[in-house]
Each structure stands twice: as C-alpha cells, then as structure tokens.
Amino acid sequence: MNQTATPRSDDPSARSDAQELSKIVGDLRKDFAKLRDAVLDLGREKAFELKDAASETIEDRKRRADELTGRLCDTIREHPLKSVMIAAAAGVLYGMVNRRG
C-alpha cells in the first residue's frame, strides 16, 4: 500500500505553511471581490451609456417621423385629387397581390 507522508499538526513548518496558504487564499478572495465589483461597475456604466444612446436614437426617429407626417399632410392638402388617385391605385395593387398569394 502506498502511504504518503502527512505533516503532523505539531510540526512548526506545517503550521507556518498552512498559515501562509490561508493568508494567500484570503488575499485572493479580496482580490476577486474587488475584480467582481470593478466588472459590475463597468457593466453598469456601459448599460447607462447604451440606454442614453438608444434614447437619443428613439427621439431622433420620432422627430423624423413627425417631420415626414407633416410633409405628407401638407402634400395631401396641396394635391387632394392626386393623393386620392395614388391611394386608390395602391389599394388596387395591394388587392391584386393578396388575391394571388
């Protein structure tokens, strides 16, 4: 049978090694906690940046849609007959496409 030598609990070098190992493990735990906190902070900052950018993009798109809606309404007011004819033609084309599909 293969037996390995285990240090005795009253061996001063074994106690010293165990204490040093315990200190290293404690230091590693602290370092990992700091690293985790740093990563979480970075993630939060990036999330806020992305949220702000998305909000700006949404606002820009809403503004653009409002502008286009206004221009479309103005065009319809200026050319009502032409607008009705275009809408009718679009309706006929839509009906033809859906009837075949």
N, C-alpha and C. Protein backbone atom coordinates (compact mmCIF):
# COMPACT_ATOMS: atom_id res chain seq x y z
N MET A 1 0.83 -1.17 0.00
CA MET A 1 0.00 0.00 0.00
C MET A 1 0.87 1.23 0.00
N ASN A 2 0.49 2.22 -0.78
CA ASN A 2 1.27 3.43 -0.89
C ASN A 2 0.79 4.42 0.16
N GLN A 3 1.67 4.84 1.03
CA GLN A 3 1.32 5.81 2.05
C GLN A 3 2.10 7.07 1.79
N THR A 4 1.43 8.21 1.93
CA THR A 4 2.11 9.48 1.76
C THR A 4 2.37 10.06 3.12
N ALA A 5 3.44 10.78 3.20
CA ALA A 5 3.79 11.39 4.48
C ALA A 5 2.94 12.64 4.66
N THR A 6 2.24 12.72 5.74
CA THR A 6 1.43 13.90 6.05
C THR A 6 2.10 14.61 7.21
N PRO A 7 2.14 15.95 7.14
CA PRO A 7 2.78 16.67 8.23
C PRO A 7 1.94 16.55 9.50
N ARG A 8 2.63 16.46 10.58
CA ARG A 8 1.94 16.35 11.86
C ARG A 8 1.49 17.74 12.28
N SER A 9 0.42 17.78 13.03
CA SER A 9 -0.15 19.06 13.42
C SER A 9 0.77 19.84 14.36
N ASP A 10 1.69 19.17 14.98
CA ASP A 10 2.60 19.90 15.86
C ASP A 10 3.91 20.29 15.16
N ASP A 11 3.96 20.04 13.85
CA ASP A 11 5.13 20.40 13.06
C ASP A 11 5.08 21.90 12.78
N PRO A 12 6.06 22.70 13.24
CA PRO A 12 6.03 24.15 13.06
C PRO A 12 6.04 24.57 11.59
N SER A 13 6.75 23.87 10.73
CA SER A 13 6.79 24.26 9.33
C SER A 13 5.44 24.00 8.67
N ALA A 14 4.76 22.96 9.07
CA ALA A 14 3.43 22.67 8.52
C ALA A 14 2.45 23.75 8.93
N ARG A 15 2.54 24.17 10.19
CA ARG A 15 1.65 25.24 10.66
C ARG A 15 1.95 26.54 9.92
N SER A 16 3.21 26.81 9.71
CA SER A 16 3.61 28.02 9.01
C SER A 16 3.10 27.99 7.57
N ASP A 17 3.26 26.84 6.91
CA ASP A 17 2.76 26.69 5.54
C ASP A 17 1.25 26.85 5.48
N ALA A 18 0.55 26.28 6.43
CA ALA A 18 -0.91 26.38 6.46
C ALA A 18 -1.34 27.82 6.68
N GLN A 19 -0.64 28.53 7.55
CA GLN A 19 -0.98 29.93 7.81
C GLN A 19 -0.72 30.78 6.56
N GLU A 20 0.40 30.51 5.89
CA GLU A 20 0.72 31.26 4.68
C GLU A 20 -0.31 30.97 3.59
N LEU A 21 -0.67 29.71 3.45
CA LEU A 21 -1.68 29.33 2.47
C LEU A 21 -3.03 29.99 2.79
N SER A 22 -3.37 30.01 4.05
CA SER A 22 -4.62 30.65 4.47
C SER A 22 -4.61 32.14 4.14
N LYS A 23 -3.47 32.79 4.36
CA LYS A 23 -3.34 34.22 4.03
C LYS A 23 -3.47 34.45 2.53
N ILE A 24 -2.84 33.59 1.74
CA ILE A 24 -2.91 33.71 0.28
C ILE A 24 -4.35 33.55 -0.20
N VAL A 25 -5.06 32.57 0.35
CA VAL A 25 -6.45 32.34 -0.03
C VAL A 25 -7.30 33.56 0.36
N GLY A 26 -7.06 34.11 1.53
CA GLY A 26 -7.78 35.31 1.95
C GLY A 26 -7.51 36.48 1.03
N ASP A 27 -6.25 36.66 0.65
CA ASP A 27 -5.90 37.75 -0.27
C ASP A 27 -6.56 37.54 -1.64
N LEU A 28 -6.59 36.30 -2.10
CA LEU A 28 -7.24 36.00 -3.38
C LEU A 28 -8.73 36.32 -3.32
N ARG A 29 -9.37 35.98 -2.22
CA ARG A 29 -10.80 36.28 -2.07
C ARG A 29 -11.03 37.79 -2.15
N LYS A 30 -10.18 38.57 -1.49
CA LYS A 30 -10.32 40.03 -1.53
C LYS A 30 -10.11 40.55 -2.95
N ASP A 31 -9.09 40.01 -3.62
CA ASP A 31 -8.80 40.45 -4.99
C ASP A 31 -9.96 40.11 -5.93
N PHE A 32 -10.52 38.91 -5.79
CA PHE A 32 -11.65 38.53 -6.62
C PHE A 32 -12.87 39.40 -6.34
N ALA A 33 -13.08 39.76 -5.09
CA ALA A 33 -14.20 40.64 -4.74
C ALA A 33 -14.02 42.01 -5.38
N LYS A 34 -12.79 42.53 -5.35
CA LYS A 34 -12.52 43.83 -5.98
C LYS A 34 -12.72 43.75 -7.49
N LEU A 35 -12.25 42.66 -8.09
CA LEU A 35 -12.40 42.46 -9.53
C LEU A 35 -13.88 42.37 -9.90
N ARG A 36 -14.65 41.62 -9.12
CA ARG A 36 -16.08 41.48 -9.38
C ARG A 36 -16.76 42.86 -9.32
N ASP A 37 -16.43 43.64 -8.29
CA ASP A 37 -17.03 44.97 -8.14
C ASP A 37 -16.66 45.88 -9.32
N ALA A 38 -15.41 45.79 -9.75
CA ALA A 38 -14.97 46.62 -10.88
C ALA A 38 -15.71 46.24 -12.16
N VAL A 39 -15.88 44.94 -12.39
CA VAL A 39 -16.60 44.48 -13.58
C VAL A 39 -18.07 44.90 -13.53
N LEU A 40 -18.68 44.79 -12.36
CA LEU A 40 -20.08 45.22 -12.22
C LEU A 40 -20.22 46.72 -12.47
N ASP A 41 -19.29 47.51 -11.93
CA ASP A 41 -19.34 48.96 -12.16
C ASP A 41 -19.19 49.29 -13.64
N LEU A 42 -18.26 48.61 -14.29
CA LEU A 42 -18.05 48.84 -15.72
C LEU A 42 -19.30 48.46 -16.51
N GLY A 43 -19.92 47.35 -16.15
CA GLY A 43 -21.14 46.93 -16.82
C GLY A 43 -22.27 47.93 -16.64
N ARG A 44 -22.40 48.47 -15.44
CA ARG A 44 -23.44 49.48 -15.18
C ARG A 44 -23.19 50.73 -16.00
N GLU A 45 -21.94 51.18 -16.04
CA GLU A 45 -21.61 52.37 -16.82
C GLU A 45 -21.96 52.16 -18.29
N LYS A 46 -21.59 51.01 -18.82
CA LYS A 46 -21.85 50.73 -20.24
C LYS A 46 -23.36 50.65 -20.48
N ALA A 47 -24.10 50.07 -19.56
CA ALA A 47 -25.55 49.98 -19.71
C ALA A 47 -26.17 51.37 -19.76
N PHE A 48 -25.71 52.27 -18.90
CA PHE A 48 -26.24 53.64 -18.91
C PHE A 48 -25.89 54.34 -20.22
N GLU A 49 -24.67 54.13 -20.72
CA GLU A 49 -24.27 54.74 -21.99
C GLU A 49 -25.16 54.25 -23.13
N LEU A 50 -25.39 52.94 -23.16
CA LEU A 50 -26.23 52.37 -24.22
C LEU A 50 -27.67 52.86 -24.11
N LYS A 51 -28.16 52.98 -22.90
CA LYS A 51 -29.52 53.47 -22.69
C LYS A 51 -29.65 54.90 -23.19
N ASP A 52 -28.67 55.74 -22.86
CA ASP A 52 -28.70 57.13 -23.31
C ASP A 52 -28.65 57.21 -24.83
N ALA A 53 -27.78 56.41 -25.44
CA ALA A 53 -27.66 56.41 -26.91
C ALA A 53 -28.97 55.94 -27.55
N ALA A 54 -29.58 54.91 -26.97
CA ALA A 54 -30.84 54.41 -27.52
C ALA A 54 -31.94 55.45 -27.38
N SER A 55 -31.97 56.15 -26.26
CA SER A 55 -32.98 57.19 -26.05
C SER A 55 -32.82 58.30 -27.08
N GLU A 56 -31.58 58.69 -27.34
CA GLU A 56 -31.34 59.74 -28.34
C GLU A 56 -31.78 59.27 -29.72
N THR A 57 -31.49 58.03 -30.06
CA THR A 57 -31.87 57.49 -31.35
C THR A 57 -33.39 57.44 -31.48
N ILE A 58 -34.06 57.01 -30.44
CA ILE A 58 -35.52 56.94 -30.48
C ILE A 58 -36.11 58.34 -30.66
N GLU A 59 -35.58 59.29 -29.91
CA GLU A 59 -36.07 60.66 -30.05
C GLU A 59 -35.84 61.20 -31.46
N ASP A 60 -34.67 60.92 -32.02
CA ASP A 60 -34.38 61.34 -33.40
C ASP A 60 -35.38 60.73 -34.39
N ARG A 61 -35.66 59.45 -34.22
CA ARG A 61 -36.60 58.75 -35.12
C ARG A 61 -38.01 59.32 -34.97
N LYS A 62 -38.41 59.62 -33.75
CA LYS A 62 -39.73 60.21 -33.54
C LYS A 62 -39.83 61.58 -34.21
N ARG A 63 -38.79 62.38 -34.05
CA ARG A 63 -38.76 63.71 -34.68
C ARG A 63 -38.84 63.59 -36.20
N ARG A 64 -38.09 62.65 -36.75
CA ARG A 64 -38.08 62.44 -38.20
C ARG A 64 -39.46 61.96 -38.69
N ALA A 65 -40.07 61.06 -37.94
CA ALA A 65 -41.40 60.58 -38.32
C ALA A 65 -42.42 61.72 -38.27
N ASP A 66 -42.32 62.57 -37.26
CA ASP A 66 -43.23 63.72 -37.18
C ASP A 66 -43.03 64.66 -38.36
N GLU A 67 -41.77 64.88 -38.74
CA GLU A 67 -41.49 65.74 -39.89
C GLU A 67 -42.09 65.17 -41.18
N LEU A 68 -41.88 63.86 -41.38
CA LEU A 68 -42.40 63.22 -42.59
C LEU A 68 -43.93 63.22 -42.60
N THR A 69 -44.54 63.01 -41.44
CA THR A 69 -46.00 63.04 -41.36
C THR A 69 -46.51 64.44 -41.72
N GLY A 70 -45.85 65.45 -41.20
CA GLY A 70 -46.23 66.83 -41.52
C GLY A 70 -46.11 67.12 -42.99
N ARG A 71 -45.01 66.68 -43.60
CA ARG A 71 -44.81 66.91 -45.04
C ARG A 71 -45.85 66.17 -45.86
N LEU A 72 -46.18 64.94 -45.44
CA LEU A 72 -47.18 64.16 -46.15
C LEU A 72 -48.55 64.84 -46.07
N CYS A 73 -48.91 65.30 -44.89
CA CYS A 73 -50.19 66.01 -44.73
C CYS A 73 -50.24 67.28 -45.59
N ASP A 74 -49.13 68.00 -45.64
CA ASP A 74 -49.07 69.22 -46.46
C ASP A 74 -49.26 68.87 -47.94
N THR A 75 -48.61 67.80 -48.38
CA THR A 75 -48.72 67.38 -49.79
C THR A 75 -50.15 66.97 -50.11
N ILE A 76 -50.81 66.26 -49.19
CA ILE A 76 -52.19 65.83 -49.41
C ILE A 76 -53.11 67.05 -49.51
N ARG A 77 -52.87 68.05 -48.65
CA ARG A 77 -53.69 69.28 -48.70
C ARG A 77 -53.47 70.05 -50.02
N GLU A 78 -52.23 70.05 -50.49
CA GLU A 78 -51.92 70.79 -51.71
C GLU A 78 -52.45 70.06 -52.96
N HIS A 79 -52.47 68.74 -52.93
CA HIS A 79 -52.87 67.95 -54.10
C HIS A 79 -53.86 66.85 -53.68
N PRO A 80 -55.07 67.20 -53.29
CA PRO A 80 -56.01 66.20 -52.78
C PRO A 80 -56.43 65.16 -53.82
N LEU A 81 -56.72 65.59 -55.04
CA LEU A 81 -57.17 64.64 -56.07
C LEU A 81 -56.06 63.66 -56.42
N LYS A 82 -54.86 64.16 -56.60
CA LYS A 82 -53.71 63.31 -56.90
C LYS A 82 -53.47 62.31 -55.75
N SER A 83 -53.64 62.76 -54.53
CA SER A 83 -53.43 61.90 -53.36
C SER A 83 -54.45 60.78 -53.31
N VAL A 84 -55.70 61.10 -53.63
CA VAL A 84 -56.76 60.09 -53.65
C VAL A 84 -56.50 59.07 -54.75
N MET A 85 -56.07 59.53 -55.90
CA MET A 85 -55.79 58.61 -57.01
C MET A 85 -54.62 57.67 -56.68
N ILE A 86 -53.59 58.22 -56.06
CA ILE A 86 -52.45 57.38 -55.67
C ILE A 86 -52.89 56.35 -54.64
N ALA A 87 -53.70 56.77 -53.67
CA ALA A 87 -54.18 55.84 -52.64
C ALA A 87 -55.04 54.75 -53.27
N ALA A 88 -55.89 55.12 -54.22
CA ALA A 88 -56.74 54.13 -54.89
C ALA A 88 -55.89 53.12 -55.67
N ALA A 89 -54.90 53.62 -56.38
CA ALA A 89 -54.02 52.73 -57.15
C ALA A 89 -53.27 51.79 -56.21
N ALA A 90 -52.81 52.31 -55.12
CA ALA A 90 -52.10 51.47 -54.14
C ALA A 90 -53.05 50.40 -53.60
N GLY A 91 -54.31 50.77 -53.36
CA GLY A 91 -55.29 49.80 -52.87
C GLY A 91 -55.56 48.70 -53.88
N VAL A 92 -55.67 49.07 -55.15
CA VAL A 92 -55.90 48.09 -56.21
C VAL A 92 -54.72 47.14 -56.30
N LEU A 93 -53.51 47.67 -56.30
CA LEU A 93 -52.30 46.82 -56.37
C LEU A 93 -52.22 45.89 -55.16
N TYR A 94 -52.51 46.40 -54.01
CA TYR A 94 -52.50 45.58 -52.78
C TYR A 94 -53.52 44.45 -52.90
N GLY A 95 -54.69 44.77 -53.40
CA GLY A 95 -55.73 43.75 -53.58
C GLY A 95 -55.32 42.69 -54.57
N MET A 96 -54.67 43.09 -55.64
CA MET A 96 -54.23 42.13 -56.66
C MET A 96 -53.15 41.20 -56.11
N VAL A 97 -52.23 41.74 -55.37
CA VAL A 97 -51.15 40.94 -54.80
C VAL A 97 -51.70 39.94 -53.78
N ASN A 98 -52.62 40.38 -52.95
CA ASN A 98 -53.18 39.50 -51.92
C ASN A 98 -54.10 38.44 -52.48
N ARG A 99 -54.72 38.71 -53.60
CA ARG A 99 -55.63 37.73 -54.20
C ARG A 99 -54.84 36.57 -54.78
N ARG A 100 -53.67 36.85 -55.32
CA ARG A 100 -52.81 35.80 -55.92
C ARG A 100 -52.11 34.99 -54.84
N GLY A 101 -51.74 35.62 -53.72
CA GLY A 101 -50.96 34.96 -52.67
C GLY A 101 -51.79 34.11 -51.82
